[in-house]
Amino acid sequence: MKKLLLFVQALVVFSFLFSLSCADKTKTIYGTWKINRQKSTDIVNWRYRQIEMVIQKKGEAVVLVQNSLEKNKVVFVDSATFIPGGEAVHVPVTSQIWPENWFMGVLAKTGTDKTIRGSWKEPDRELEVVKEQTVEISQGDAKITTVLSFKLNRNGNNLIVIEKRSSRPTPVKLVFDRVKQ
């Protein structure tokens, strides 16, 4: 009886180790992602512009790149590199294009810095990013905080990004499909 119990325990342990070794390494947020307009909050600008998100791992750091494409050509790039759980980074604002501005007449304030920090909720699968920056509106300058929650779905084919902005009461849901390399 003891031999049978030991055999069953060993079988369970080996099965678990085998499943870990066979795990799909692409089931992380890293990779290239394209917006899925049908699954995302409907915002008018998306009908004319394609959004591509590239997320890379560089040592301990995460590199976030958001490309705005028109007719398959990149027309604007927004990027940041930071260490999750580390110090906030300051990125100079050099263009009035504000990537989180989907439909309102709000401009990024050039000559300022945006502050970006992030932390893992689940390593390599769920990330929260906080961006703070000054924008120009018709009434003057305003400080806006945007919280972006990146979460990989179970099968690793979709990246769900929930955007909560200090100036908007309702969140925006962005769903991205993984681009096969």
C-alpha atoms as a PDB file:
ATOM      1  CA  MET A   1       0.000   0.000   0.000  1.00  0.00           C
ATOM      2  CA  LYS A   2       2.856   2.397   0.859  1.00  0.00           C
ATOM      3  CA  LYS A   3       4.531   1.681  -2.499  1.00  0.00           C
ATOM      4  CA  LEU A   4       1.316   2.441  -4.342  1.00  0.00           C
ATOM      5  CA  LEU A   5       0.848   5.700  -2.414  1.00  0.00           C
ATOM      6  CA  LEU A   6       4.455   6.748  -3.122  1.00  0.00           C
ATOM      7  CA  PHE A   7       4.010   5.862  -6.793  1.00  0.00           C
ATOM      8  CA  VAL A   8       0.821   7.957  -7.057  1.00  0.00           C
ATOM      9  CA  GLN A   9       2.485  10.916  -5.293  1.00  0.00           C
ATOM     10  CA  ALA A  10       5.508  10.690  -7.580  1.00  0.00           C
ATOM     11  CA  LEU A  11       3.216  10.520 -10.611  1.00  0.00           C
ATOM     12  CA  VAL A  12       1.366  13.662  -9.484  1.00  0.00           C
ATOM     13  CA  VAL A  13       4.639  15.568  -8.919  1.00  0.00           C
ATOM     14  CA  PHE A  14       6.081  14.503 -12.291  1.00  0.00           C
ATOM     15  CA  SER A  15       2.818  15.406 -14.056  1.00  0.00           C
ATOM     16  CA  PHE A  16       2.899  18.862 -12.468  1.00  0.00           C
ATOM     17  CA  LEU A  17       6.554  19.420 -13.420  1.00  0.00           C
ATOM     18  CA  PHE A  18       5.874  18.203 -16.962  1.00  0.00           C
ATOM     19  CA  SER A  19       2.925  20.598 -17.327  1.00  0.00           C
ATOM     20  CA  LEU A  20       5.115  23.500 -16.156  1.00  0.00           C
ATOM     21  CA  SER A  21       7.820  22.640 -18.681  1.00  0.00           C
ATOM     22  CA  CYS A  22       5.242  22.493 -21.476  1.00  0.00           C
ATOM     23  CA  ALA A  23       3.571  25.766 -20.474  1.00  0.00           C
ATOM     24  CA  ASP A  24       3.061  28.231 -23.304  1.00  0.00           C
ATOM     25  CA  LYS A  25       5.699  30.909 -22.826  1.00  0.00           C
ATOM     26  CA  THR A  26       3.696  33.311 -25.063  1.00  0.00           C
ATOM     27  CA  LYS A  27       1.060  33.666 -22.360  1.00  0.00           C
ATOM     28  CA  THR A  28       2.546  36.919 -21.137  1.00  0.00           C
ATOM     29  CA  ILE A  29       1.669  40.516 -21.917  1.00  0.00           C
ATOM     30  CA  TYR A  30       4.859  40.824 -23.972  1.00  0.00           C
ATOM     31  CA  GLY A  31       4.438  41.065 -27.709  1.00  0.00           C
ATOM     32  CA  THR A  32       2.657  43.134 -30.334  1.00  0.00           C
ATOM     33  CA  TRP A  33      -1.054  43.858 -30.001  1.00  0.00           C
ATOM     34  CA  LYS A  34      -3.623  45.486 -32.334  1.00  0.00           C
ATOM     35  CA  ILE A  35      -6.836  47.100 -31.141  1.00  0.00           C
ATOM     36  CA  ASN A  36     -10.014  45.082 -31.667  1.00  0.00           C
ATOM     37  CA  ARG A  37     -12.611  47.806 -32.298  1.00  0.00           C
ATOM     38  CA  GLN A  38     -15.593  45.446 -32.056  1.00  0.00           C
ATOM     39  CA  LYS A  39     -14.702  44.386 -28.497  1.00  0.00           C
ATOM     40  CA  SER A  40     -13.538  47.805 -27.293  1.00  0.00           C
ATOM     41  CA  THR A  41     -15.460  50.859 -26.130  1.00  0.00           C
ATOM     42  CA  ASP A  42     -16.717  52.578 -29.289  1.00  0.00           C
ATOM     43  CA  ILE A  43     -14.803  55.807 -29.801  1.00  0.00           C
ATOM     44  CA  VAL A  44     -15.103  57.680 -33.110  1.00  0.00           C
ATOM     45  CA  ASN A  45     -11.341  58.209 -33.718  1.00  0.00           C
ATOM     46  CA  TRP A  46     -10.728  54.460 -33.826  1.00  0.00           C
ATOM     47  CA  ARG A  47     -12.717  54.248 -37.021  1.00  0.00           C
ATOM     48  CA  TYR A  48      -9.928  56.149 -38.757  1.00  0.00           C
ATOM     49  CA  ARG A  49      -6.871  55.113 -36.785  1.00  0.00           C
ATOM     50  CA  GLN A  50      -5.410  51.753 -35.857  1.00  0.00           C
ATOM     51  CA  ILE A  51      -3.744  51.423 -32.450  1.00  0.00           C
ATOM     52  CA  GLU A  52      -0.841  49.054 -32.026  1.00  0.00           C
ATOM     53  CA  MET A  53       0.652  48.291 -28.620  1.00  0.00           C
ATOM     54  CA  VAL A  54       4.124  46.778 -28.250  1.00  0.00           C
ATOM     55  CA  ILE A  55       5.141  45.548 -24.804  1.00  0.00           C
ATOM     56  CA  GLN A  56       8.696  44.343 -24.248  1.00  0.00           C
ATOM     57  CA  LYS A  57      10.773  43.120 -21.356  1.00  0.00           C
ATOM     58  CA  LYS A  58      14.214  44.671 -21.059  1.00  0.00           C
ATOM     59  CA  GLY A  59      15.942  43.259 -17.989  1.00  0.00           C
ATOM     60  CA  GLU A  60      13.756  44.271 -15.040  1.00  0.00           C
ATOM     61  CA  ALA A  61      12.165  47.068 -17.071  1.00  0.00           C
ATOM     62  CA  VAL A  62       8.992  47.082 -19.139  1.00  0.00           C
ATOM     63  CA  VAL A  63       8.935  49.008 -22.410  1.00  0.00           C
ATOM     64  CA  LEU A  64       5.481  50.222 -23.494  1.00  0.00           C
ATOM     65  CA  VAL A  65       5.140  51.540 -27.035  1.00  0.00           C
ATOM     66  CA  GLN A  66       1.837  52.761 -28.451  1.00  0.00           C
ATOM     67  CA  ASN A  67       1.828  53.321 -32.202  1.00  0.00           C
ATOM     68  CA  SER A  68      -0.985  55.211 -33.898  1.00  0.00           C
ATOM     69  CA  LEU A  69      -1.307  54.080 -37.497  1.00  0.00           C
ATOM     70  CA  GLU A  70      -3.186  55.505 -40.441  1.00  0.00           C
ATOM     71  CA  LYS A  71      -3.281  53.436 -43.629  1.00  0.00           C
ATOM     72  CA  ASN A  72      -0.723  51.084 -42.026  1.00  0.00           C
ATOM     73  CA  LYS A  73       1.787  53.911 -41.516  1.00  0.00           C
ATOM     74  CA  VAL A  74       2.911  55.007 -38.067  1.00  0.00           C
ATOM     75  CA  VAL A  75       1.840  58.635 -37.555  1.00  0.00           C
ATOM     76  CA  PHE A  76       2.595  58.947 -33.833  1.00  0.00           C
ATOM     77  CA  VAL A  77       4.578  56.961 -31.257  1.00  0.00           C
ATOM     78  CA  ASP A  78       4.181  57.213 -27.494  1.00  0.00           C
ATOM     79  CA  SER A  79       6.632  55.173 -25.417  1.00  0.00           C
ATOM     80  CA  ALA A  80       7.975  54.767 -21.919  1.00  0.00           C
ATOM     81  CA  THR A  81      10.399  52.469 -20.133  1.00  0.00           C
ATOM     82  CA  PHE A  82      10.047  51.863 -16.391  1.00  0.00           C
ATOM     83  CA  ILE A  83      10.726  49.243 -13.745  1.00  0.00           C
ATOM     84  CA  PRO A  84       7.509  47.909 -12.187  1.00  0.00           C
ATOM     85  CA  GLY A  85       7.564  48.716  -8.488  1.00  0.00           C
ATOM     86  CA  GLY A  86      10.464  51.114  -9.048  1.00  0.00           C
ATOM     87  CA  GLU A  87      10.780  54.883  -9.137  1.00  0.00           C
ATOM     88  CA  ALA A  88       8.512  56.914 -11.397  1.00  0.00           C
ATOM     89  CA  VAL A  89      10.059  57.972 -14.703  1.00  0.00           C
ATOM     90  CA  HIS A  90       9.703  61.402 -16.287  1.00  0.00           C
ATOM     91  CA  VAL A  91       9.162  61.522 -20.036  1.00  0.00           C
ATOM     92  CA  PRO A  92       9.413  64.861 -21.880  1.00  0.00           C
ATOM     93  CA  VAL A  93       6.258  65.853 -23.763  1.00  0.00           C
ATOM     94  CA  THR A  94       7.357  66.916 -27.252  1.00  0.00           C
ATOM     95  CA  SER A  95       4.052  66.727 -29.136  1.00  0.00           C
ATOM     96  CA  GLN A  96       0.570  68.072 -28.490  1.00  0.00           C
ATOM     97  CA  ILE A  97      -0.893  64.676 -29.384  1.00  0.00           C
ATOM     98  CA  TRP A  98      -2.230  63.068 -26.232  1.00  0.00           C
ATOM     99  CA  PRO A  99      -2.642  59.296 -26.804  1.00  0.00           C
ATOM    100  CA  GLU A 100      -5.362  58.933 -24.156  1.00  0.00           C
ATOM    101  CA  ASN A 101      -7.362  61.728 -25.839  1.00  0.00           C
ATOM    102  CA  TRP A 102      -9.798  59.798 -27.962  1.00  0.00           C
ATOM    103  CA  PHE A 103     -12.375  62.394 -28.919  1.00  0.00           C
ATOM    104  CA  MET A 104     -12.150  65.644 -26.953  1.00  0.00           C
ATOM    105  CA  GLY A 105     -10.280  68.839 -27.823  1.00  0.00           C
ATOM    106  CA  VAL A 106      -7.530  68.272 -25.272  1.00  0.00           C
ATOM    107  CA  LEU A 107      -3.845  68.698 -26.087  1.00  0.00           C
ATOM    108  CA  ALA A 108      -0.739  67.483 -24.315  1.00  0.00           C
ATOM    109  CA  LYS A 109       1.296  70.427 -22.999  1.00  0.00           C
ATOM    110  CA  THR A 110       4.656  70.465 -24.732  1.00  0.00           C
ATOM    111  CA  GLY A 111       7.686  71.433 -22.684  1.00  0.00           C
ATOM    112  CA  THR A 112       6.384  69.545 -19.637  1.00  0.00           C
ATOM    113  CA  ASP A 113       7.089  66.018 -18.396  1.00  0.00           C
ATOM    114  CA  LYS A 114       4.638  63.202 -17.899  1.00  0.00           C
ATOM    115  CA  THR A 115       5.276  60.949 -14.925  1.00  0.00           C
ATOM    116  CA  ILE A 116       4.867  57.206 -15.371  1.00  0.00           C
ATOM    117  CA  ARG A 117       5.069  54.420 -12.816  1.00  0.00           C
ATOM    118  CA  GLY A 118       3.806  50.877 -12.768  1.00  0.00           C
ATOM    119  CA  SER A 119       3.477  47.752 -10.696  1.00  0.00           C
ATOM    120  CA  TRP A 120       2.753  44.107 -11.341  1.00  0.00           C
ATOM    121  CA  LYS A 121      -0.544  42.716 -10.125  1.00  0.00           C
ATOM    122  CA  GLU A 122       0.527  39.326 -11.515  1.00  0.00           C
ATOM    123  CA  PRO A 123       4.070  39.139 -12.957  1.00  0.00           C
ATOM    124  CA  ASP A 124       4.173  39.155 -16.774  1.00  0.00           C
ATOM    125  CA  ARG A 125       0.344  38.896 -17.014  1.00  0.00           C
ATOM    126  CA  GLU A 126      -1.274  41.822 -15.198  1.00  0.00           C
ATOM    127  CA  LEU A 127       0.220  45.305 -14.930  1.00  0.00           C
ATOM    128  CA  GLU A 128      -1.066  48.619 -13.593  1.00  0.00           C
ATOM    129  CA  VAL A 129       0.413  51.822 -15.032  1.00  0.00           C
ATOM    130  CA  VAL A 130      -0.251  55.330 -13.695  1.00  0.00           C
ATOM    131  CA  LYS A 131       0.413  58.345 -15.929  1.00  0.00           C
ATOM    132  CA  GLU A 132       0.233  61.936 -14.718  1.00  0.00           C
ATOM    133  CA  GLN A 133       0.580  64.868 -17.068  1.00  0.00           C
ATOM    134  CA  THR A 134      -0.501  68.413 -17.771  1.00  0.00           C
ATOM    135  CA  VAL A 135      -2.877  68.984 -20.665  1.00  0.00           C
ATOM    136  CA  GLU A 136      -4.215  72.117 -22.309  1.00  0.00           C
ATOM    137  CA  ILE A 137      -7.969  72.641 -22.380  1.00  0.00           C
ATOM    138  CA  SER A 138     -10.063  75.670 -23.335  1.00  0.00           C
ATOM    139  CA  GLN A 139     -10.121  76.845 -19.691  1.00  0.00           C
ATOM    140  CA  GLY A 140      -6.311  76.578 -19.290  1.00  0.00           C
ATOM    141  CA  ASP A 141      -3.987  73.848 -18.042  1.00  0.00           C
ATOM    142  CA  ALA A 142      -5.178  70.780 -16.134  1.00  0.00           C
ATOM    143  CA  LYS A 143      -3.315  67.958 -14.416  1.00  0.00           C
ATOM    144  CA  ILE A 144      -4.729  64.583 -15.492  1.00  0.00           C
ATOM    145  CA  THR A 145      -4.067  61.167 -13.960  1.00  0.00           C
ATOM    146  CA  THR A 146      -4.721  58.090 -16.081  1.00  0.00           C
ATOM    147  CA  VAL A 147      -4.647  54.594 -14.590  1.00  0.00           C
ATOM    148  CA  LEU A 148      -4.205  51.817 -17.135  1.00  0.00           C
ATOM    149  CA  SER A 149      -4.835  48.235 -16.030  1.00  0.00           C
ATOM    150  CA  PHE A 150      -3.320  45.720 -18.471  1.00  0.00           C
ATOM    151  CA  LYS A 151      -4.570  42.150 -18.085  1.00  0.00           C
ATOM    152  CA  LEU A 152      -3.921  39.144 -20.271  1.00  0.00           C
ATOM    153  CA  ASN A 153      -6.907  36.868 -20.857  1.00  0.00           C
ATOM    154  CA  ARG A 154      -6.680  33.179 -19.935  1.00  0.00           C
ATOM    155  CA  ASN A 155      -5.641  31.873 -23.358  1.00  0.00           C
ATOM    156  CA  GLY A 156      -3.111  34.666 -23.976  1.00  0.00           C
ATOM    157  CA  ASN A 157      -4.696  35.890 -27.215  1.00  0.00           C
ATOM    158  CA  ASN A 158      -6.223  39.121 -25.903  1.00  0.00           C
ATOM    159  CA  LEU A 159      -4.893  41.958 -23.807  1.00  0.00           C
ATOM    160  CA  ILE A 160      -7.607  43.887 -21.971  1.00  0.00           C
ATOM    161  CA  VAL A 161      -6.727  47.449 -20.976  1.00  0.00           C
ATOM    162  CA  ILE A 162      -9.068  49.354 -18.688  1.00  0.00           C
ATOM    163  CA  GLU A 163      -8.365  53.094 -18.754  1.00  0.00           C
ATOM    164  CA  LYS A 164      -9.581  55.226 -15.864  1.00  0.00           C
ATOM    165  CA  ARG A 165      -8.982  58.930 -16.111  1.00  0.00           C
ATOM    166  CA  SER A 166      -9.331  61.513 -13.334  1.00  0.00           C
ATOM    167  CA  SER A 167     -11.335  63.718 -15.723  1.00  0.00           C
ATOM    168  CA  ARG A 168     -13.815  61.026 -16.848  1.00  0.00           C
ATOM    169  CA  PRO A 169     -16.311  59.215 -14.603  1.00  0.00           C
ATOM    170  CA  THR A 170     -16.576  56.093 -16.781  1.00  0.00           C
ATOM    171  CA  PRO A 171     -13.666  53.840 -17.755  1.00  0.00           C
ATOM    172  CA  VAL A 172     -12.735  52.981 -21.329  1.00  0.00           C
ATOM    173  CA  LYS A 173     -12.182  49.319 -22.225  1.00  0.00           C
ATOM    174  CA  LEU A 174      -9.603  48.539 -24.875  1.00  0.00           C
ATOM    175  CA  VAL A 175      -9.262  44.989 -26.176  1.00  0.00           C
ATOM    176  CA  PHE A 176      -6.178  44.090 -28.178  1.00  0.00           C
ATOM    177  CA  ASP A 177      -5.573  40.956 -30.236  1.00  0.00           C
ATOM    178  CA  ARG A 178      -2.115  39.389 -30.187  1.00  0.00           C
ATOM    179  CA  VAL A 179      -0.236  39.790 -33.481  1.00  0.00           C
ATOM    180  CA  LYS A 180       1.317  36.468 -34.435  1.00  0.00           C
ATOM    181  CA  GLN A 181       4.999  36.879 -35.275  1.00  0.00           C
END
